[in-house]
Amino acid sequence: MLIETARSPARLCILLALYDGEAYLEEQLDSYLNQGFSDWSLLVSDDGSTDSSLAILHRFAERTPDHDVRVLRGPGTSFSGNFLHLLRQVSSEHEFVALSDQDDVWYPEKLQRAVTRLADVPADVPCLYAARTRVCDVALRPLGLSREFSRAPSFRNALVQSIGGGNTMVLNRAAVMLAKRALVATERVVAHDWWLYQLVSGAGGTVLYDPAPALDYRQHGGNLIGENRSLSAAWLRLAGILGGRFRSWNEINAEALAVARPLLTSEARKVIENYAAARQAPTPFARLRGLRASGVWRQGRLGTAALHVACLLRLL
C-alpha cells in the first residue's frame, strides 16, 4: 500500500487501474471532483508506473481531505488483471463500486445517474450498470458516440459479445460480492468488463444499459481497447471473429465460466453446454443446430452473420 488515508467508508468506491497515466490523469481526477454525487472514495491499483502518476495522486489526496484515497501495488499482469486485483481488494462496506480508466473525463452526472438506476434494483440482486460514451480524439474533440445497442442485455448475448465499456460500469454491492466469490478461482479473463457482463447476467442478476453517454472516451496511441463506433472498427471485429481470435477468446471465457459454474443459474449452465456442443460438433450443420439450441446472439445483423459464418467454419 503506497497511500492511505483512513475515514468512514464512502457509499461508493471508485476503482482506478493505473499505469504511467501522467498525461491525462489529472483531468480524470478532476472529473471525480466535479461529480454531483460526492459520497465516494478512491482505490487505485498502480501497475508499476515510472512516470509522475503517483506524485499526481499524492497531490490529489492532499487536496481532497473529504475523500478517502488509497493506492495499492498492482499485480503487474495485464490491464484486466489490474481491475480484477481491485475487485478482490475492495471492501464489502461500499454500497456501489464504479470502474475507471485513467484517461477519460466523466460527465458531472455520471455517478448520480448510475446510482439512481441501481437503487431501483433490490439490494440482494446483483446489478451492473453500463452506459455509452462520447468518443473523442486526444484533445477531447468529439468524434461521435459509441455504438448504441437496441436489444436488451442477456446472458445469451454476453456469452459472445460485450456491450458495456468497463470505464462506464457501476456495480451494486451484491454484484461486487458475486465477483469476489468468482475471483477466488478465476485466473484469467479476456476482458474484465466482458467477464462482469457474463457473470452478472449468468447468475440471474440485472444488467442496466444506458443509451445516454456518461463520459468522454479519449482515443490516443496508448489505448488498449479502441472505439467501436466506426465501420472500420466493426470490420476489425469481424476480422477478429473470422481470423481465429474469437475462438481463443471463447476458450478463455469457457474456463472462467467453468470455475464460476456454481454461481450461475441452471438456465445459464444449459446455454453454456449447448454453446460448447455447437463449438465441438463435427459437421457444419450440426454446429449450426447447436448454435440455434444455445440461443446465443450478437447485436446487429453483421455481428449475427459473422457468428453464423464462424460457426460454419469452426471458428467459434
C-alpha atoms as a PDB file:
ATOM      1  CA  MET A   1       0.000   0.000   0.000  1.00  0.00           C
ATOM      2  CA  LEU A   2       1.527   3.281  -1.102  1.00  0.00           C
ATOM      3  CA  ILE A   3      -1.058   5.837   0.032  1.00  0.00           C
ATOM      4  CA  GLU A   4      -3.731   5.518   2.667  1.00  0.00           C
ATOM      5  CA  THR A   5      -5.964   7.994   4.444  1.00  0.00           C
ATOM      6  CA  ALA A   6      -8.431   6.452   6.883  1.00  0.00           C
ATOM      7  CA  ARG A   7     -12.016   7.598   7.427  1.00  0.00           C
ATOM      8  CA  SER A   8     -15.504   6.083   7.466  1.00  0.00           C
ATOM      9  CA  PRO A   9     -16.454   4.122   4.327  1.00  0.00           C
ATOM     10  CA  ALA A  10     -17.999   6.097   1.490  1.00  0.00           C
ATOM     11  CA  ARG A  11     -21.234   4.971  -0.120  1.00  0.00           C
ATOM     12  CA  LEU A  12     -19.425   4.432  -3.444  1.00  0.00           C
ATOM     13  CA  CYS A  13     -15.842   3.392  -4.201  1.00  0.00           C
ATOM     14  CA  ILE A  14     -14.128   4.306  -7.478  1.00  0.00           C
ATOM     15  CA  LEU A  15     -11.671   1.663  -8.715  1.00  0.00           C
ATOM     16  CA  LEU A  16      -8.907   3.144 -10.871  1.00  0.00           C
ATOM     17  CA  ALA A  17      -6.433   0.920 -12.729  1.00  0.00           C
ATOM     18  CA  LEU A  18      -3.245   2.919 -13.251  1.00  0.00           C
ATOM     19  CA  TYR A  19      -0.065   2.581 -15.282  1.00  0.00           C
ATOM     20  CA  ASP A  20       2.033   5.531 -16.465  1.00  0.00           C
ATOM     21  CA  GLY A  21      -1.017   7.751 -16.728  1.00  0.00           C
ATOM     22  CA  GLU A  22       0.529  11.187 -16.131  1.00  0.00           C
ATOM     23  CA  ALA A  23      -0.538  12.629 -19.497  1.00  0.00           C
ATOM     24  CA  TYR A  24      -4.278  12.629 -18.731  1.00  0.00           C
ATOM     25  CA  LEU A  25      -4.642  11.537 -15.116  1.00  0.00           C
ATOM     26  CA  GLU A  26      -5.276  14.969 -13.628  1.00  0.00           C
ATOM     27  CA  GLU A  27      -8.226  15.593 -15.962  1.00  0.00           C
ATOM     28  CA  GLN A  28      -9.729  12.256 -14.961  1.00  0.00           C
ATOM     29  CA  LEU A  29      -9.254  13.007 -11.251  1.00  0.00           C
ATOM     30  CA  ASP A  30     -10.741  16.476 -11.623  1.00  0.00           C
ATOM     31  CA  SER A  31     -13.824  14.926 -13.199  1.00  0.00           C
ATOM     32  CA  TYR A  32     -14.332  12.914  -9.993  1.00  0.00           C
ATOM     33  CA  LEU A  33     -14.404  16.173  -8.039  1.00  0.00           C
ATOM     34  CA  ASN A  34     -16.979  17.597 -10.433  1.00  0.00           C
ATOM     35  CA  GLN A  35     -19.441  14.781  -9.763  1.00  0.00           C
ATOM     36  CA  GLY A  36     -22.869  15.728  -8.462  1.00  0.00           C
ATOM     37  CA  PHE A  37     -22.688  12.556  -6.362  1.00  0.00           C
ATOM     38  CA  SER A  38     -19.927  13.314  -3.866  1.00  0.00           C
ATOM     39  CA  ASP A  39     -20.043  10.407  -1.387  1.00  0.00           C
ATOM     40  CA  TRP A  40     -17.164   8.467  -2.931  1.00  0.00           C
ATOM     41  CA  SER A  41     -13.714   7.153  -2.095  1.00  0.00           C
ATOM     42  CA  LEU A  42     -10.912   6.195  -4.479  1.00  0.00           C
ATOM     43  CA  LEU A  43      -8.997   2.908  -4.599  1.00  0.00           C
ATOM     44  CA  VAL A  44      -6.126   2.802  -7.100  1.00  0.00           C
ATOM     45  CA  SER A  45      -4.047  -0.158  -8.234  1.00  0.00           C
ATOM     46  CA  ASP A  46      -0.757   1.024  -9.743  1.00  0.00           C
ATOM     47  CA  ASP A  47       0.945  -1.486 -12.018  1.00  0.00           C
ATOM     48  CA  GLY A  48       4.459  -0.084 -11.603  1.00  0.00           C
ATOM     49  CA  SER A  49       4.237   3.424 -13.003  1.00  0.00           C
ATOM     50  CA  THR A  50       7.615   5.026 -13.712  1.00  0.00           C
ATOM     51  CA  ASP A  51       6.275   8.492 -14.551  1.00  0.00           C
ATOM     52  CA  SER A  52       4.761  11.102 -12.236  1.00  0.00           C
ATOM     53  CA  SER A  53       1.413   9.305 -11.769  1.00  0.00           C
ATOM     54  CA  LEU A  54       1.990   8.568  -8.079  1.00  0.00           C
ATOM     55  CA  ALA A  55       3.055  12.139  -7.386  1.00  0.00           C
ATOM     56  CA  ILE A  56      -0.151  13.350  -9.055  1.00  0.00           C
ATOM     57  CA  LEU A  57      -2.156  11.024  -6.827  1.00  0.00           C
ATOM     58  CA  HIS A  58      -0.327  12.221  -3.705  1.00  0.00           C
ATOM     59  CA  ARG A  59      -1.213  15.820  -4.553  1.00  0.00           C
ATOM     60  CA  PHE A  60      -4.796  14.802  -5.289  1.00  0.00           C
ATOM     61  CA  ALA A  61      -5.094  13.066  -1.902  1.00  0.00           C
ATOM     62  CA  GLU A  62      -3.744  16.156  -0.136  1.00  0.00           C
ATOM     63  CA  ARG A  63      -6.262  18.494  -1.770  1.00  0.00           C
ATOM     64  CA  THR A  64      -9.267  16.192  -1.244  1.00  0.00           C
ATOM     65  CA  PRO A  65      -9.399  15.663   2.533  1.00  0.00           C
ATOM     66  CA  ASP A  66     -13.104  14.799   2.345  1.00  0.00           C
ATOM     67  CA  HIS A  67     -12.409  11.701   0.236  1.00  0.00           C
ATOM     68  CA  ASP A  68     -10.504   8.560   1.191  1.00  0.00           C
ATOM     69  CA  VAL A  69      -7.714   7.897  -1.324  1.00  0.00           C
ATOM     70  CA  ARG A  70      -5.740   4.647  -1.291  1.00  0.00           C
ATOM     71  CA  VAL A  71      -3.172   3.312  -3.735  1.00  0.00           C
ATOM     72  CA  LEU A  72      -2.237  -0.368  -3.863  1.00  0.00           C
ATOM     73  CA  ARG A  73       0.614  -2.099  -5.622  1.00  0.00           C
ATOM     74  CA  GLY A  74      -0.793  -3.745  -8.740  1.00  0.00           C
ATOM     75  CA  PRO A  75      -0.280  -7.346  -9.859  1.00  0.00           C
ATOM     76  CA  GLY A  76       1.773  -6.391 -12.911  1.00  0.00           C
ATOM     77  CA  THR A  77      -0.055  -8.844 -15.167  1.00  0.00           C
ATOM     78  CA  SER A  78      -2.406  -7.011 -17.526  1.00  0.00           C
ATOM     79  CA  PHE A  79      -4.920  -4.185 -17.761  1.00  0.00           C
ATOM     80  CA  SER A  80      -7.796  -6.529 -16.956  1.00  0.00           C
ATOM     81  CA  GLY A  81      -5.730  -8.266 -14.299  1.00  0.00           C
ATOM     82  CA  ASN A  82      -5.270  -4.928 -12.591  1.00  0.00           C
ATOM     83  CA  PHE A  83      -9.051  -4.442 -12.394  1.00  0.00           C
ATOM     84  CA  LEU A  84      -9.563  -7.975 -11.086  1.00  0.00           C
ATOM     85  CA  HIS A  85      -6.993  -7.174  -8.395  1.00  0.00           C
ATOM     86  CA  LEU A  86      -9.004  -4.101  -7.437  1.00  0.00           C
ATOM     87  CA  LEU A  87     -12.236  -6.095  -7.240  1.00  0.00           C
ATOM     88  CA  ARG A  88     -10.552  -8.625  -4.976  1.00  0.00           C
ATOM     89  CA  GLN A  89      -9.351  -5.874  -2.632  1.00  0.00           C
ATOM     90  CA  VAL A  90     -12.384  -3.551  -2.491  1.00  0.00           C
ATOM     91  CA  SER A  91     -14.261  -3.515   0.803  1.00  0.00           C
ATOM     92  CA  SER A  92     -17.732  -5.012   1.037  1.00  0.00           C
ATOM     93  CA  GLU A  93     -18.772  -1.975   3.105  1.00  0.00           C
ATOM     94  CA  HIS A  94     -19.378   0.127  -0.010  1.00  0.00           C
ATOM     95  CA  GLU A  95     -22.879   0.134  -1.455  1.00  0.00           C
ATOM     96  CA  PHE A  96     -21.641   0.745  -5.007  1.00  0.00           C
ATOM     97  CA  VAL A  97     -18.390   0.375  -6.958  1.00  0.00           C
ATOM     98  CA  ALA A  98     -17.502   2.313 -10.137  1.00  0.00           C
ATOM     99  CA  LEU A  99     -14.713   1.277 -12.528  1.00  0.00           C
ATOM    100  CA  SER A 100     -12.492   3.953 -14.022  1.00  0.00           C
ATOM    101  CA  ASP A 101      -9.790   4.203 -16.664  1.00  0.00           C
ATOM    102  CA  GLN A 102      -7.017   6.774 -16.233  1.00  0.00           C
ATOM    103  CA  ASP A 103      -7.537   8.919 -19.321  1.00  0.00           C
ATOM    104  CA  ASP A 104     -11.254   9.706 -19.653  1.00  0.00           C
ATOM    105  CA  VAL A 105     -13.311  12.661 -18.455  1.00  0.00           C
ATOM    106  CA  TRP A 106     -16.515  11.797 -16.610  1.00  0.00           C
ATOM    107  CA  TYR A 107     -19.642  13.896 -17.032  1.00  0.00           C
ATOM    108  CA  PRO A 108     -20.776  15.545 -13.766  1.00  0.00           C
ATOM    109  CA  GLU A 109     -23.956  13.453 -13.610  1.00  0.00           C
ATOM    110  CA  LYS A 110     -22.259  10.111 -14.330  1.00  0.00           C
ATOM    111  CA  LEU A 111     -22.264   8.632 -10.820  1.00  0.00           C
ATOM    112  CA  GLN A 112     -25.641  10.041  -9.838  1.00  0.00           C
ATOM    113  CA  ARG A 113     -27.301   8.586 -12.924  1.00  0.00           C
ATOM    114  CA  ALA A 114     -25.825   5.174 -12.214  1.00  0.00           C
ATOM    115  CA  VAL A 115     -26.648   5.190  -8.504  1.00  0.00           C
ATOM    116  CA  THR A 116     -30.223   6.278  -9.199  1.00  0.00           C
ATOM    117  CA  ARG A 117     -30.734   3.380 -11.626  1.00  0.00           C
ATOM    118  CA  LEU A 118     -29.039   0.836  -9.361  1.00  0.00           C
ATOM    119  CA  ALA A 119     -31.066   1.935  -6.326  1.00  0.00           C
ATOM    120  CA  ASP A 120     -34.237   0.793  -8.108  1.00  0.00           C
ATOM    121  CA  VAL A 121     -32.983  -2.816  -8.050  1.00  0.00           C
ATOM    122  CA  PRO A 122     -33.387  -4.885  -4.846  1.00  0.00           C
ATOM    123  CA  ALA A 123     -30.131  -4.737  -2.888  1.00  0.00           C
ATOM    124  CA  ASP A 124     -29.748  -8.525  -2.838  1.00  0.00           C
ATOM    125  CA  VAL A 125     -29.896  -8.813  -6.656  1.00  0.00           C
ATOM    126  CA  PRO A 126     -26.505  -8.454  -8.394  1.00  0.00           C
ATOM    127  CA  CYS A 127     -26.753  -5.477 -10.719  1.00  0.00           C
ATOM    128  CA  LEU A 128     -24.381  -3.922 -13.248  1.00  0.00           C
ATOM    129  CA  TYR A 129     -24.911  -0.539 -14.902  1.00  0.00           C
ATOM    130  CA  ALA A 130     -23.140   0.453 -18.130  1.00  0.00           C
ATOM    131  CA  ALA A 131     -23.553   3.394 -20.496  1.00  0.00           C
ATOM    132  CA  ARG A 132     -22.478   4.692 -23.866  1.00  0.00           C
ATOM    133  CA  THR A 133     -19.550   7.057 -24.304  1.00  0.00           C
ATOM    134  CA  ARG A 134     -18.710  10.030 -26.476  1.00  0.00           C
ATOM    135  CA  VAL A 135     -15.625   9.078 -28.449  1.00  0.00           C
ATOM    136  CA  CYS A 136     -13.065  11.897 -28.634  1.00  0.00           C
ATOM    137  CA  ASP A 137      -9.618  12.486 -30.052  1.00  0.00           C
ATOM    138  CA  VAL A 138      -6.583  13.103 -27.874  1.00  0.00           C
ATOM    139  CA  ALA A 139      -7.608  16.747 -27.328  1.00  0.00           C
ATOM    140  CA  LEU A 140     -11.169  15.696 -26.384  1.00  0.00           C
ATOM    141  CA  ARG A 141     -12.642  16.918 -29.643  1.00  0.00           C
ATOM    142  CA  PRO A 142     -15.801  14.823 -30.203  1.00  0.00           C
ATOM    143  CA  LEU A 143     -15.704  12.185 -32.922  1.00  0.00           C
ATOM    144  CA  GLY A 144     -19.148  10.710 -32.271  1.00  0.00           C
ATOM    145  CA  LEU A 145     -20.992   8.442 -29.875  1.00  0.00           C
ATOM    146  CA  SER A 146     -20.164   4.821 -29.228  1.00  0.00           C
ATOM    147  CA  ARG A 147     -22.464   2.265 -30.758  1.00  0.00           C
ATOM    148  CA  GLU A 148     -25.979   2.085 -29.339  1.00  0.00           C
ATOM    149  CA  PHE A 149     -27.308  -1.407 -28.676  1.00  0.00           C
ATOM    150  CA  SER A 150     -31.033  -1.873 -29.241  1.00  0.00           C
ATOM    151  CA  ARG A 151     -31.631  -5.333 -27.777  1.00  0.00           C
ATOM    152  CA  ALA A 152     -31.842  -5.778 -24.009  1.00  0.00           C
ATOM    153  CA  PRO A 153     -28.812  -7.258 -22.213  1.00  0.00           C
ATOM    154  CA  SER A 154     -28.904 -11.034 -21.784  1.00  0.00           C
ATOM    155  CA  PHE A 155     -26.561 -13.884 -20.879  1.00  0.00           C
ATOM    156  CA  ARG A 156     -27.168 -15.311 -24.357  1.00  0.00           C
ATOM    157  CA  ASN A 157     -25.657 -12.105 -25.701  1.00  0.00           C
ATOM    158  CA  ALA A 158     -22.961 -11.819 -23.028  1.00  0.00           C
ATOM    159  CA  LEU A 159     -21.579 -15.223 -23.948  1.00  0.00           C
ATOM    160  CA  VAL A 160     -20.489 -13.924 -27.360  1.00  0.00           C
ATOM    161  CA  GLN A 161     -20.348 -10.129 -27.047  1.00  0.00           C
ATOM    162  CA  SER A 162     -19.540  -7.374 -24.582  1.00  0.00           C
ATOM    163  CA  ILE A 163     -21.843  -4.358 -24.758  1.00  0.00           C
ATOM    164  CA  GLY A 164     -20.583  -2.131 -21.943  1.00  0.00           C
ATOM    165  CA  GLY A 165     -17.215  -0.419 -21.592  1.00  0.00           C
ATOM    166  CA  GLY A 166     -15.630  -1.004 -18.201  1.00  0.00           C
ATOM    167  CA  ASN A 167     -14.976   2.727 -17.895  1.00  0.00           C
ATOM    168  CA  THR A 168     -18.742   3.281 -17.632  1.00  0.00           C
ATOM    169  CA  MET A 169     -19.568   0.386 -15.314  1.00  0.00           C
ATOM    170  CA  VAL A 170     -21.000   0.769 -11.813  1.00  0.00           C
ATOM    171  CA  LEU A 171     -21.928  -2.271  -9.689  1.00  0.00           C
ATOM    172  CA  ASN A 172     -24.044  -2.676  -6.595  1.00  0.00           C
ATOM    173  CA  ARG A 173     -22.738  -4.479  -3.513  1.00  0.00           C
ATOM    174  CA  ALA A 174     -24.368  -7.777  -4.479  1.00  0.00           C
ATOM    175  CA  ALA A 175     -22.595  -7.741  -7.862  1.00  0.00           C
ATOM    176  CA  VAL A 176     -19.263  -6.952  -6.220  1.00  0.00           C
ATOM    177  CA  MET A 177     -19.676  -9.807  -3.749  1.00  0.00           C
ATOM    178  CA  LEU A 178     -20.591 -12.119  -6.638  1.00  0.00           C
ATOM    179  CA  ALA A 179     -17.419 -11.095  -8.462  1.00  0.00           C
ATOM    180  CA  LYS A 180     -15.293 -11.613  -5.352  1.00  0.00           C
ATOM    181  CA  ARG A 181     -16.681 -15.141  -4.934  1.00  0.00           C
ATOM    182  CA  ALA A 182     -15.961 -15.955  -8.576  1.00  0.00           C
ATOM    183  CA  LEU A 183     -12.454 -14.487  -8.346  1.00  0.00           C
ATOM    184  CA  VAL A 184     -11.437 -16.992  -5.680  1.00  0.00           C
ATOM    185  CA  ALA A 185     -10.788 -19.460  -8.513  1.00  0.00           C
ATOM    186  CA  THR A 186     -10.654 -17.281 -11.653  1.00  0.00           C
ATOM    187  CA  GLU A 187      -7.136 -16.855 -13.003  1.00  0.00           C
ATOM    188  CA  ARG A 188      -7.622 -15.047 -16.320  1.00  0.00           C
ATOM    189  CA  VAL A 189     -10.321 -13.397 -18.418  1.00  0.00           C
ATOM    190  CA  VAL A 190     -10.417 -11.908 -21.897  1.00  0.00           C
ATOM    191  CA  ALA A 191     -11.568  -8.552 -20.548  1.00  0.00           C
ATOM    192  CA  HIS A 192     -12.785  -7.623 -17.084  1.00  0.00           C
ATOM    193  CA  ASP A 193     -15.852  -5.771 -18.368  1.00  0.00           C
ATOM    194  CA  TRP A 194     -16.935  -8.611 -20.652  1.00  0.00           C
ATOM    195  CA  TRP A 195     -16.447 -11.085 -17.797  1.00  0.00           C
ATOM    196  CA  LEU A 196     -18.551  -8.961 -15.451  1.00  0.00           C
ATOM    197  CA  TYR A 197     -21.365  -8.824 -18.031  1.00  0.00           C
ATOM    198  CA  GLN A 198     -21.237 -12.621 -18.357  1.00  0.00           C
ATOM    199  CA  LEU A 199     -21.067 -13.228 -14.628  1.00  0.00           C
ATOM    200  CA  VAL A 200     -23.853 -10.889 -13.520  1.00  0.00           C
ATOM    201  CA  SER A 201     -26.253 -11.910 -16.298  1.00  0.00           C
ATOM    202  CA  GLY A 202     -25.364 -15.604 -15.915  1.00  0.00           C
ATOM    203  CA  ALA A 203     -26.012 -15.508 -12.167  1.00  0.00           C
ATOM    204  CA  GLY A 204     -29.529 -14.192 -12.712  1.00  0.00           C
ATOM    205  CA  GLY A 205     -28.619 -10.599 -11.935  1.00  0.00           C
ATOM    206  CA  THR A 206     -29.740  -7.429 -13.670  1.00  0.00           C
ATOM    207  CA  VAL A 207     -27.756  -5.571 -16.337  1.00  0.00           C
ATOM    208  CA  LEU A 208     -28.805  -1.969 -16.975  1.00  0.00           C
ATOM    209  CA  TYR A 209     -27.759  -0.417 -20.280  1.00  0.00           C
ATOM    210  CA  ASP A 210     -27.955   3.383 -20.504  1.00  0.00           C
ATOM    211  CA  PRO A 211     -28.073   4.708 -24.083  1.00  0.00           C
ATOM    212  CA  ALA A 212     -27.006   8.192 -22.932  1.00  0.00           C
ATOM    213  CA  PRO A 213     -23.233   8.813 -22.880  1.00  0.00           C
ATOM    214  CA  ALA A 214     -21.595   9.082 -19.456  1.00  0.00           C
ATOM    215  CA  LEU A 215     -18.081  10.258 -20.310  1.00  0.00           C
ATOM    216  CA  ASP A 216     -15.625  11.428 -22.947  1.00  0.00           C
ATOM    217  CA  TYR A 217     -13.618   8.425 -24.091  1.00  0.00           C
ATOM    218  CA  ARG A 218     -10.245   9.711 -25.242  1.00  0.00           C
ATOM    219  CA  GLN A 219      -8.614   7.973 -28.211  1.00  0.00           C
ATOM    220  CA  HIS A 220      -4.815   8.016 -28.306  1.00  0.00           C
ATOM    221  CA  GLY A 221      -1.877   5.797 -29.100  1.00  0.00           C
ATOM    222  CA  GLY A 222      -1.875   4.216 -25.647  1.00  0.00           C
ATOM    223  CA  ASN A 223      -5.448   2.934 -25.703  1.00  0.00           C
ATOM    224  CA  LEU A 224      -5.523  -0.800 -25.058  1.00  0.00           C
ATOM    225  CA  ILE A 225      -9.049  -1.147 -26.423  1.00  0.00           C
ATOM    226  CA  GLY A 226     -10.238   1.206 -29.131  1.00  0.00           C
ATOM    227  CA  GLU A 227     -13.560   2.703 -30.107  1.00  0.00           C
ATOM    228  CA  ASN A 228     -16.412   0.627 -31.506  1.00  0.00           C
ATOM    229  CA  ARG A 229     -18.461   3.193 -33.397  1.00  0.00           C
ATOM    230  CA  SER A 230     -16.958   3.263 -36.889  1.00  0.00           C
ATOM    231  CA  LEU A 231     -17.438   0.904 -39.821  1.00  0.00           C
ATOM    232  CA  SER A 232     -13.707   0.176 -39.820  1.00  0.00           C
ATOM    233  CA  ALA A 233     -13.887  -0.829 -36.154  1.00  0.00           C
ATOM    234  CA  ALA A 234     -16.791  -3.141 -36.957  1.00  0.00           C
ATOM    235  CA  TRP A 235     -14.815  -4.751 -39.749  1.00  0.00           C
ATOM    236  CA  LEU A 236     -11.821  -5.214 -37.462  1.00  0.00           C
ATOM    237  CA  ARG A 237     -14.054  -7.047 -35.012  1.00  0.00           C
ATOM    238  CA  LEU A 238     -15.467  -9.136 -37.839  1.00  0.00           C
ATOM    239  CA  ALA A 239     -11.925  -9.976 -38.957  1.00  0.00           C
ATOM    240  CA  GLY A 240     -11.139 -10.991 -35.386  1.00  0.00           C
ATOM    241  CA  ILE A 241     -14.084 -13.400 -35.363  1.00  0.00           C
ATOM    242  CA  LEU A 242     -13.196 -14.934 -38.727  1.00  0.00           C
ATOM    243  CA  GLY A 243      -9.455 -14.887 -38.100  1.00  0.00           C
ATOM    244  CA  GLY A 244      -9.477 -17.239 -35.129  1.00  0.00           C
ATOM    245  CA  ARG A 245      -9.093 -14.726 -32.310  1.00  0.00           C
ATOM    246  CA  PHE A 246     -12.710 -15.174 -31.280  1.00  0.00           C
ATOM    247  CA  ARG A 247     -12.168 -18.908 -30.858  1.00  0.00           C
ATOM    248  CA  SER A 248      -9.288 -18.218 -28.486  1.00  0.00           C
ATOM    249  CA  TRP A 249     -11.447 -15.782 -26.533  1.00  0.00           C
ATOM    250  CA  ASN A 250     -14.192 -18.402 -26.303  1.00  0.00           C
ATOM    251  CA  GLU A 251     -11.725 -20.852 -24.728  1.00  0.00           C
ATOM    252  CA  ILE A 252     -10.679 -18.320 -22.079  1.00  0.00           C
ATOM    253  CA  ASN A 253     -14.281 -17.353 -21.360  1.00  0.00           C
ATOM    254  CA  ALA A 254     -15.257 -21.016 -21.049  1.00  0.00           C
ATOM    255  CA  GLU A 255     -12.523 -21.583 -18.467  1.00  0.00           C
ATOM    256  CA  ALA A 256     -13.616 -18.567 -16.413  1.00  0.00           C
ATOM    257  CA  LEU A 257     -17.283 -19.570 -16.532  1.00  0.00           C
ATOM    258  CA  ALA A 258     -16.452 -23.166 -15.624  1.00  0.00           C
ATOM    259  CA  VAL A 259     -14.974 -22.131 -12.275  1.00  0.00           C
ATOM    260  CA  ALA A 260     -17.960 -19.823 -11.693  1.00  0.00           C
ATOM    261  CA  ARG A 261     -20.470 -22.574 -12.573  1.00  0.00           C
ATOM    262  CA  PRO A 262     -21.851 -22.955  -9.012  1.00  0.00           C
ATOM    263  CA  LEU A 263     -22.798 -19.259  -9.084  1.00  0.00           C
ATOM    264  CA  LEU A 264     -24.728 -19.467 -12.357  1.00  0.00           C
ATOM    265  CA  THR A 265     -28.382 -20.244 -12.933  1.00  0.00           C
ATOM    266  CA  SER A 266     -29.429 -23.620 -14.354  1.00  0.00           C
ATOM    267  CA  GLU A 267     -30.578 -21.799 -17.489  1.00  0.00           C
ATOM    268  CA  ALA A 268     -27.163 -20.177 -17.974  1.00  0.00           C
ATOM    269  CA  ARG A 269     -25.435 -23.506 -17.451  1.00  0.00           C
ATOM    270  CA  LYS A 270     -27.636 -25.056 -20.135  1.00  0.00           C
ATOM    271  CA  VAL A 271     -26.801 -22.239 -22.557  1.00  0.00           C
ATOM    272  CA  ILE A 272     -23.093 -22.842 -21.912  1.00  0.00           C
ATOM    273  CA  GLU A 273     -23.482 -26.579 -22.524  1.00  0.00           C
ATOM    274  CA  ASN A 274     -25.349 -26.063 -25.798  1.00  0.00           C
ATOM    275  CA  TYR A 275     -22.854 -23.472 -26.985  1.00  0.00           C
ATOM    276  CA  ALA A 276     -19.958 -25.808 -26.157  1.00  0.00           C
ATOM    277  CA  ALA A 277     -21.683 -28.587 -28.105  1.00  0.00           C
ATOM    278  CA  ALA A 278     -22.074 -26.237 -31.075  1.00  0.00           C
ATOM    279  CA  ARG A 279     -18.394 -25.369 -30.978  1.00  0.00           C
ATOM    280  CA  GLN A 280     -17.343 -29.022 -30.823  1.00  0.00           C
ATOM    281  CA  ALA A 281     -19.812 -30.593 -33.274  1.00  0.00           C
ATOM    282  CA  PRO A 282     -18.105 -32.428 -36.165  1.00  0.00           C
ATOM    283  CA  THR A 283     -20.149 -31.084 -39.099  1.00  0.00           C
ATOM    284  CA  PRO A 284     -21.178 -27.561 -40.124  1.00  0.00           C
ATOM    285  CA  PHE A 285     -24.902 -28.276 -39.925  1.00  0.00           C
ATOM    286  CA  ALA A 286     -24.566 -29.960 -36.538  1.00  0.00           C
ATOM    287  CA  ARG A 287     -22.730 -26.878 -35.327  1.00  0.00           C
ATOM    288  CA  LEU A 288     -25.496 -24.600 -36.627  1.00  0.00           C
ATOM    289  CA  ARG A 289     -28.128 -26.743 -34.909  1.00  0.00           C
ATOM    290  CA  GLY A 290     -26.186 -26.467 -31.671  1.00  0.00           C
ATOM    291  CA  LEU A 291     -25.844 -22.707 -32.070  1.00  0.00           C
ATOM    292  CA  ARG A 292     -29.601 -22.363 -32.524  1.00  0.00           C
ATOM    293  CA  ALA A 293     -30.196 -24.590 -29.488  1.00  0.00           C
ATOM    294  CA  SER A 294     -27.950 -22.374 -27.372  1.00  0.00           C
ATOM    295  CA  GLY A 295     -29.906 -19.267 -28.350  1.00  0.00           C
ATOM    296  CA  VAL A 296     -26.803 -17.053 -28.275  1.00  0.00           C
ATOM    297  CA  TRP A 297     -26.862 -13.879 -30.342  1.00  0.00           C
ATOM    298  CA  ARG A 298     -24.901 -10.751 -31.159  1.00  0.00           C
ATOM    299  CA  GLN A 299     -26.207  -7.217 -31.541  1.00  0.00           C
ATOM    300  CA  GLY A 300     -26.731  -6.171 -35.152  1.00  0.00           C
ATOM    301  CA  ARG A 301     -27.068  -8.061 -38.424  1.00  0.00           C
ATOM    302  CA  LEU A 302     -23.358  -8.002 -39.231  1.00  0.00           C
ATOM    303  CA  GLY A 303     -22.449  -9.465 -35.851  1.00  0.00           C
ATOM    304  CA  THR A 304     -25.120 -12.157 -36.125  1.00  0.00           C
ATOM    305  CA  ALA A 305     -23.982 -13.070 -39.639  1.00  0.00           C
ATOM    306  CA  ALA A 306     -20.370 -13.254 -38.505  1.00  0.00           C
ATOM    307  CA  LEU A 307     -21.363 -15.550 -35.643  1.00  0.00           C
ATOM    308  CA  HIS A 308     -23.083 -17.983 -38.018  1.00  0.00           C
ATOM    309  CA  VAL A 309     -20.196 -17.912 -40.508  1.00  0.00           C
ATOM    310  CA  ALA A 310     -17.711 -18.558 -37.710  1.00  0.00           C
ATOM    311  CA  CYS A 311     -19.871 -21.448 -36.573  1.00  0.00           C
ATOM    312  CA  LEU A 312     -19.919 -22.995 -40.045  1.00  0.00           C
ATOM    313  CA  LEU A 313     -16.129 -22.613 -40.376  1.00  0.00           C
ATOM    314  CA  ARG A 314     -15.480 -23.980 -36.865  1.00  0.00           C
ATOM    315  CA  LEU A 315     -14.040 -20.673 -35.684  1.00  0.00           C
ATOM    316  CA  LEU A 316     -16.150 -20.410 -32.507  1.00  0.00           C
END
